Amino acid sequence: MIKLDRHTNPKFSMINISSIILSELNAFYSVQYDSLLKKVVNILGDEARVNFPYALNFLYLLGKLTYEQNTDSFKAIK
């Protein structure tokens, strides 16, 4: 998923979606999963839904965000 091939559109890549997620999380204190998905789809289009969970996992593994189970929301770690 990280390495692009000739059939991958860079607009819908996991790295691009991750950057949009981080910008949204930096703008707000906490963002719920559904509203974050809607914002990414509004910005990039419906094809971004495929790589959205991979981008969240990527950012979580890098330690850039946390997940709160009670509110089903994400917060950026600064």
Protein backbone atom coordinates (compact mmCIF):
# COMPACT_ATOMS: atom_id res chain seq x y z
CA MET A 1 0.00 0.00 0.00
CA ILE A 2 2.84 2.44 0.64
CA LYS A 3 4.76 1.72 -2.54
CA LEU A 4 2.96 3.03 -5.59
CA ASP A 5 2.81 1.29 -8.91
CA ARG A 6 1.80 2.65 -12.29
CA HIS A 7 -1.88 1.91 -11.66
CA THR A 8 -2.07 3.80 -8.36
CA ASN A 9 -3.42 7.31 -8.32
CA PRO A 10 -1.26 9.33 -5.86
CA LYS A 11 -4.34 11.32 -4.88
CA PHE A 12 -5.84 8.22 -3.24
CA SER A 13 -2.61 6.87 -1.75
CA MET A 14 -2.32 6.04 1.91
CA ILE A 15 0.30 8.76 2.44
CA ASN A 16 -1.94 11.46 0.99
CA ILE A 17 -4.95 10.30 3.02
CA SER A 18 -2.76 10.24 6.14
CA SER A 19 -1.74 13.85 5.58
CA ILE A 20 -5.38 14.91 5.27
CA ILE A 21 -6.26 13.01 8.44
CA LEU A 22 -3.43 14.70 10.34
CA SER A 23 -4.47 18.14 9.13
CA GLU A 24 -8.04 17.51 10.28
CA LEU A 25 -6.89 16.22 13.66
CA ASN A 26 -4.61 19.22 14.15
CA ALA A 27 -7.50 21.58 13.37
CA PHE A 28 -9.83 19.96 15.93
CA TYR A 29 -9.22 18.48 19.37
CA SER A 30 -11.03 15.21 18.71
CA VAL A 31 -12.78 13.87 15.61
CA GLN A 32 -15.14 10.90 15.44
CA TYR A 33 -14.47 8.12 12.95
CA ASP A 34 -17.56 8.74 10.81
CA SER A 35 -17.07 12.48 10.54
CA LEU A 36 -13.37 12.01 9.75
CA LEU A 37 -14.26 9.56 6.98
CA LYS A 38 -16.85 12.00 5.59
CA LYS A 39 -14.30 14.83 5.55
CA VAL A 40 -11.74 12.72 3.71
CA VAL A 41 -14.35 11.55 1.18
CA ASN A 42 -15.53 15.15 0.66
CA ILE A 43 -11.96 16.27 -0.03
CA LEU A 44 -10.73 13.37 -2.16
CA GLY A 45 -13.79 11.54 -3.41
CA ASP A 46 -15.39 8.17 -2.81
CA GLU A 47 -12.32 6.19 -3.94
CA ALA A 48 -10.53 7.27 -0.74
CA ARG A 49 -12.72 4.90 1.32
CA VAL A 50 -10.58 1.93 0.31
CA ASN A 51 -7.34 3.23 1.83
CA PHE A 52 -8.86 5.16 4.75
CA PRO A 53 -8.52 2.33 7.34
CA TYR A 54 -4.96 1.65 6.17
CA ALA A 55 -4.07 5.31 6.65
CA LEU A 56 -5.51 5.27 10.17
CA ASN A 57 -3.54 2.13 11.01
CA PHE A 58 -0.39 3.67 9.58
CA LEU A 59 -0.74 6.80 11.72
CA TYR A 60 -1.58 4.77 14.81
CA LEU A 61 1.48 2.56 14.36
CA LEU A 62 3.67 5.64 13.94
CA GLY A 63 2.28 7.03 17.20
CA LYS A 64 0.71 10.08 15.60
CA LEU A 65 -2.82 9.52 16.88
CA THR A 66 -4.75 7.81 19.63
CA TYR A 67 -8.16 6.18 19.60
CA GLU A 68 -10.74 6.73 22.32
CA GLN A 69 -13.15 3.83 22.46
CA ASN A 70 -15.77 5.60 24.61
CA THR A 71 -16.40 8.32 22.05
CA ASP A 72 -15.24 6.44 18.91
CA SER A 73 -12.91 9.32 18.11
CA PHE A 74 -9.29 10.05 17.31
CA LYS A 75 -6.89 12.61 18.77
CA ALA A 76 -3.56 13.77 17.41
CA ILE A 77 -0.50 13.25 19.58
CA LYS A 78 1.75 16.29 19.50
